[in-house]
Protein backbone atom coordinates (compact mmCIF):
# COMPACT_ATOMS: atom_id res chain seq x y z
CA UNK A 1 2.61 88.27 104.39
CA UNK A 2 1.64 84.87 105.62
CA UNK A 3 4.85 82.50 104.75
CA UNK A 4 6.61 80.73 107.08
CA UNK A 5 9.85 79.36 106.03
CA UNK A 6 11.22 76.01 107.16
CA UNK A 7 14.65 74.93 108.32
CA UNK A 8 17.02 77.52 107.59
CA UNK A 9 15.30 79.24 104.68
CA UNK A 10 14.76 82.70 105.05
CA UNK A 11 12.29 85.02 102.78
CA UNK A 12 13.71 88.74 101.75
CA UNK A 13 12.17 91.80 100.25
CA UNK A 14 14.61 92.91 97.00
CA UNK A 15 15.73 96.61 97.81
CA UNK A 16 15.65 98.71 94.68
CA UNK A 17 18.86 99.93 93.18
CA UNK A 18 19.88 102.86 91.81
CA UNK A 19 18.70 104.48 88.65
CA UNK A 20 21.72 106.27 88.21
CA UNK A 21 25.14 105.52 87.49
CA UNK A 22 28.26 106.90 89.45
CA UNK A 23 29.00 109.32 86.04
CA UNK A 24 25.20 110.67 86.87
CA UNK A 25 23.88 108.79 83.72
CA UNK A 26 20.18 107.88 84.23
CA UNK A 27 19.53 103.86 83.73
CA UNK A 28 16.62 102.89 82.15
CA UNK A 29 14.87 99.62 83.18
CA UNK A 30 16.56 96.90 80.93
CA UNK A 31 20.35 98.45 81.73
CA UNK A 32 19.81 98.05 85.69
CA UNK A 33 20.52 94.46 87.25
CA UNK A 34 18.54 92.86 89.85
CA UNK A 35 19.26 94.11 93.09
CA UNK A 36 21.45 91.92 95.48
CA UNK A 37 20.60 93.46 98.43
CA UNK A 38 17.45 92.82 100.58
CA UNK A 39 15.74 93.39 104.12
CA UNK A 40 14.64 89.80 105.64
CA UNK A 41 11.09 89.63 106.54
CA UNK A 42 11.15 86.06 107.76
CA UNK A 43 13.39 83.83 109.06
CA UNK A 44 12.77 79.97 109.87
CA UNK A 45 13.61 78.07 113.03
CA UNK A 46 16.84 76.65 111.74
CA UNK A 47 18.53 73.57 110.34
CA UNK A 48 19.16 70.21 112.33
CA UNK A 49 22.78 69.54 112.96
CA UNK A 50 23.94 65.81 112.97
CA UNK A 51 22.99 65.60 116.68
CA UNK A 52 19.36 66.70 116.39
CA UNK A 53 19.65 70.33 117.79
CA UNK A 54 18.51 73.00 115.93
CA UNK A 55 21.58 75.50 114.74
CA UNK A 56 20.45 79.28 115.60
CA UNK A 57 20.15 81.53 112.27
CA UNK A 58 22.98 83.85 112.23
CA UNK A 59 19.71 86.67 110.48
CA UNK A 60 16.81 88.20 111.70
CA UNK A 61 13.97 89.71 110.97
CA UNK A 62 14.70 93.38 109.80
CA UNK A 63 18.37 92.61 108.84
CA UNK A 64 19.33 94.05 105.50
CA UNK A 65 21.62 91.67 103.68
CA UNK A 66 23.81 90.82 100.64
CA UNK A 67 23.21 87.85 98.39
CA UNK A 68 23.85 86.67 94.86
CA UNK A 69 22.09 88.14 92.13
CA UNK A 70 20.80 85.05 90.68
CA UNK A 71 20.40 83.03 93.75
CA UNK A 72 16.97 81.92 95.68
CA UNK A 73 13.32 81.51 94.66
CA UNK A 74 11.56 84.16 93.54
CA UNK A 75 7.56 83.98 94.73
CA UNK A 76 4.62 86.53 94.64
CA UNK A 77 2.48 86.98 97.66
CA UNK A 78 -0.57 89.03 97.49
CA UNK A 79 0.97 90.78 94.59
CA UNK A 80 4.70 91.23 96.08
CA UNK A 81 7.70 89.21 95.00
CA UNK A 82 10.05 88.37 97.50
CA UNK A 83 12.68 86.09 97.27
CA UNK A 84 13.43 82.73 99.50
CA UNK A 85 17.30 81.86 99.98
CA UNK A 86 18.58 79.28 102.08
CA UNK A 87 20.82 81.11 104.95
CA UNK A 88 23.85 79.63 103.19
CA UNK A 89 23.32 81.96 99.87
CA UNK A 90 23.40 85.03 102.30
CA UNK A 91 26.86 86.53 102.20
CA UNK A 92 26.48 89.06 104.50
CA UNK A 93 24.47 91.59 106.96
CA UNK A 94 24.71 95.33 106.59
CA UNK A 95 25.09 96.85 109.81
CA UNK A 96 24.37 100.38 110.24
C-alpha cells in the first residue's frame, strides 16, 4: 500500500467480526455489524500544537485498535478497503 497519512490521521484495516452469535446462531451477511476493531497500517507524523511542535502519536503501526462503528472515511486502494481515522476517533489500543 502506498498511502502516507497526514497530521494526526491513521489508516486502519478492519478486522472481520465473528459470524456466529454468543448463542451459536450463524449470522447472515446482512445481520452482522461493521467491525469496530482493526489493525493500524500507517500513522501520520502527528498534529502540531499551539507552539508549533509536533505532538507524538499514541498509536503505532501494527496496533489493534477499537474505534466508532461509523467513524472515519472508507477508501479503497488496490482493491483493498481501508479506513482513515483521526487519532481522536480511536477509543483505545488492545494490548495482548
